[in-house]
C-alpha atoms as a PDB file:
ATOM      1  CA  UNK A   1      72.449 168.596 178.938  1.00  0.00           C
ATOM      2  CA  UNK A   2      70.843 172.008 179.505  1.00  0.00           C
ATOM      3  CA  UNK A   3      72.859 172.519 182.685  1.00  0.00           C
ATOM      4  CA  UNK A   4      76.131 171.704 180.909  1.00  0.00           C
ATOM      5  CA  UNK A   5      75.304 174.044 178.034  1.00  0.00           C
ATOM      6  CA  UNK A   6      74.489 176.807 180.521  1.00  0.00           C
ATOM      7  CA  UNK A   7      77.840 176.296 182.252  1.00  0.00           C
ATOM      8  CA  UNK A   8      79.656 176.469 178.937  1.00  0.00           C
ATOM      9  CA  UNK A   9      77.853 179.648 177.930  1.00  0.00           C
ATOM     10  CA  UNK A  10      78.548 181.275 181.298  1.00  0.00           C
ATOM     11  CA  UNK A  11      82.212 180.330 181.058  1.00  0.00           C
ATOM     12  CA  UNK A  12      82.471 181.732 177.554  1.00  0.00           C
ATOM     13  CA  UNK A  13      80.748 184.958 178.596  1.00  0.00           C
ATOM     14  CA  UNK A  14      83.064 185.436 181.576  1.00  0.00           C
ATOM     15  CA  UNK A  15      86.163 184.791 179.497  1.00  0.00           C
ATOM     16  CA  UNK A  16      84.980 187.151 176.788  1.00  0.00           C
ATOM     17  CA  UNK A  17      84.127 189.753 179.424  1.00  0.00           C
ATOM     18  CA  UNK A  18      87.639 189.567 180.837  1.00  0.00           C
ATOM     19  CA  UNK A  19      89.190 189.922 177.402  1.00  0.00           C
ATOM     20  CA  UNK A  20      86.984 192.823 176.351  1.00  0.00           C
ATOM     21  CA  UNK A  21      87.398 194.716 179.615  1.00  0.00           C
ATOM     22  CA  UNK A  22      90.794 195.960 178.482  1.00  0.00           C
ATOM     23  CA  UNK A  23      90.464 196.923 174.877  1.00  0.00           C
ATOM     24  CA  UNK A  24      92.842 199.697 173.890  1.00  0.00           C
ATOM     25  CA  UNK A  25      90.875 202.928 173.559  1.00  0.00           C
ATOM     26  CA  UNK A  26      90.246 204.272 170.077  1.00  0.00           C
ATOM     27  CA  UNK A  27      92.276 207.458 170.284  1.00  0.00           C
ATOM     28  CA  UNK A  28      90.834 208.755 167.022  1.00  0.00           C
ATOM     29  CA  UNK A  29      87.256 208.965 168.275  1.00  0.00           C
ATOM     30  CA  UNK A  30      86.162 212.475 169.202  1.00  0.00           C
ATOM     31  CA  UNK A  31      84.098 211.687 172.314  1.00  0.00           C
ATOM     32  CA  UNK A  32      86.641 210.076 174.612  1.00  0.00           C
ATOM     33  CA  UNK A  33      86.178 209.680 178.346  1.00  0.00           C
ATOM     34  CA  UNK A  34      88.542 211.450 180.730  1.00  0.00           C
ATOM     35  CA  UNK A  35      90.461 208.194 181.280  1.00  0.00           C
ATOM     36  CA  UNK A  36      90.657 207.516 177.532  1.00  0.00           C
ATOM     37  CA  UNK A  37      92.082 211.006 176.974  1.00  0.00           C
ATOM     38  CA  UNK A  38      94.785 210.345 179.566  1.00  0.00           C
ATOM     39  CA  UNK A  39      95.587 206.899 178.132  1.00  0.00           C
ATOM     40  CA  UNK A  40      95.801 208.322 174.617  1.00  0.00           C
ATOM     41  CA  UNK A  41      97.998 211.223 175.669  1.00  0.00           C
ATOM     42  CA  UNK A  42     100.449 209.398 177.931  1.00  0.00           C
ATOM     43  CA  UNK A  43     102.641 206.435 177.070  1.00  0.00           C
ATOM     44  CA  UNK A  44     103.345 206.015 180.784  1.00  0.00           C
ATOM     45  CA  UNK A  45      99.634 205.712 181.623  1.00  0.00           C
ATOM     46  CA  UNK A  46      99.032 203.357 178.705  1.00  0.00           C
ATOM     47  CA  UNK A  47     101.944 201.129 179.788  1.00  0.00           C
ATOM     48  CA  UNK A  48     100.716 201.061 183.399  1.00  0.00           C
ATOM     49  CA  UNK A  49      97.231 200.135 182.170  1.00  0.00           C
ATOM     50  CA  UNK A  50      98.633 197.255 180.117  1.00  0.00           C
ATOM     51  CA  UNK A  51     100.575 195.928 183.127  1.00  0.00           C
ATOM     52  CA  UNK A  52      97.425 196.087 185.234  1.00  0.00           C
ATOM     53  CA  UNK A  53      95.433 194.385 182.460  1.00  0.00           C
ATOM     54  CA  UNK A  54      97.959 191.540 182.338  1.00  0.00           C
ATOM     55  CA  UNK A  55      97.731 191.195 186.127  1.00  0.00           C
ATOM     56  CA  UNK A  56      93.944 191.084 185.845  1.00  0.00           C
ATOM     57  CA  UNK A  57      94.042 188.374 183.169  1.00  0.00           C
ATOM     58  CA  UNK A  58      96.446 186.309 185.290  1.00  0.00           C
ATOM     59  CA  UNK A  59      94.243 186.703 188.378  1.00  0.00           C
ATOM     60  CA  UNK A  60      91.173 185.848 186.306  1.00  0.00           C
ATOM     61  CA  UNK A  61      92.847 182.604 185.261  1.00  0.00           C
ATOM     62  CA  UNK A  62      93.772 181.758 188.878  1.00  0.00           C
ATOM     63  CA  UNK A  63      90.555 182.449 190.769  1.00  0.00           C
ATOM     64  CA  UNK A  64      87.617 180.117 191.057  1.00  0.00           C
ATOM     65  CA  UNK A  65      84.967 182.821 191.434  1.00  0.00           C
ATOM     66  CA  UNK A  66      85.507 184.727 188.219  1.00  0.00           C
ATOM     67  CA  UNK A  67      82.150 186.463 188.447  1.00  0.00           C
ATOM     68  CA  UNK A  68      83.148 188.011 191.782  1.00  0.00           C
ATOM     69  CA  UNK A  69      86.468 189.202 190.351  1.00  0.00           C
ATOM     70  CA  UNK A  70      84.730 190.758 187.346  1.00  0.00           C
ATOM     71  CA  UNK A  71      82.280 192.553 189.629  1.00  0.00           C
ATOM     72  CA  UNK A  72      85.103 193.785 191.841  1.00  0.00           C
ATOM     73  CA  UNK A  73      87.025 195.000 188.802  1.00  0.00           C
ATOM     74  CA  UNK A  74      83.996 196.859 187.464  1.00  0.00           C
ATOM     75  CA  UNK A  75      83.591 198.570 190.846  1.00  0.00           C
ATOM     76  CA  UNK A  76      87.296 199.433 190.925  1.00  0.00           C
ATOM     77  CA  UNK A  77      87.086 200.914 187.422  1.00  0.00           C
ATOM     78  CA  UNK A  78      84.106 203.049 188.353  1.00  0.00           C
ATOM     79  CA  UNK A  79      85.065 204.064 191.890  1.00  0.00           C
ATOM     80  CA  UNK A  80      88.861 204.266 191.822  1.00  0.00           C
ATOM     81  CA  UNK A  81      90.233 204.531 188.274  1.00  0.00           C
ATOM     82  CA  UNK A  82      87.554 206.903 187.024  1.00  0.00           C
ATOM     83  CA  UNK A  83      88.126 209.211 190.019  1.00  0.00           C
ATOM     84  CA  UNK A  84      91.570 210.165 188.657  1.00  0.00           C
ATOM     85  CA  UNK A  85      91.879 213.595 187.125  1.00  0.00           C
ATOM     86  CA  UNK A  86      95.519 213.466 186.032  1.00  0.00           C
ATOM     87  CA  UNK A  87      98.089 211.051 184.636  1.00  0.00           C
ATOM     88  CA  UNK A  88     100.138 210.610 187.862  1.00  0.00           C
ATOM     89  CA  UNK A  89      96.980 209.536 189.693  1.00  0.00           C
ATOM     90  CA  UNK A  90      96.060 207.156 186.895  1.00  0.00           C
ATOM     91  CA  UNK A  91      99.524 205.575 186.799  1.00  0.00           C
ATOM     92  CA  UNK A  92      99.559 205.108 190.598  1.00  0.00           C
ATOM     93  CA  UNK A  93      96.059 203.655 190.506  1.00  0.00           C
ATOM     94  CA  UNK A  94      97.009 201.127 187.829  1.00  0.00           C
ATOM     95  CA  UNK A  95     100.181 200.147 189.709  1.00  0.00           C
ATOM     96  CA  UNK A  96      98.304 199.719 192.981  1.00  0.00           C
ATOM     97  CA  UNK A  97      95.637 197.591 191.305  1.00  0.00           C
ATOM     98  CA  UNK A  98      98.230 195.425 189.550  1.00  0.00           C
ATOM     99  CA  UNK A  99      99.910 194.785 192.894  1.00  0.00           C
ATOM    100  CA  UNK A 100      96.601 193.903 194.511  1.00  0.00           C
ATOM    101  CA  UNK A 101      95.677 191.544 191.678  1.00  0.00           C
ATOM    102  CA  UNK A 102      98.940 189.638 192.120  1.00  0.00           C
ATOM    103  CA  UNK A 103      97.655 188.429 195.505  1.00  0.00           C
ATOM    104  CA  UNK A 104      94.684 186.602 193.948  1.00  0.00           C
END
């Protein structure tokens, strides 16, 4: 019974993690990150982010090793997305990631 409960809790945590990973930024808050500023100031960047988020959710529902995908996504966010300093970079990064996620 403990093992089954642990599996259920892990599954719920992973699903919640995937859902929360792509919350729309609060554009009214004063201390936004660089990426949040770009998402709040550009409809094109925000749309590209939503397409990538949908691709991530679809991949998350297809893969067996969801933990690995979450870890990879966290690394991508930190190492690739957060390296962008302008909207064109951010849009290209989101498009590239969405394309990559479609192969999962």
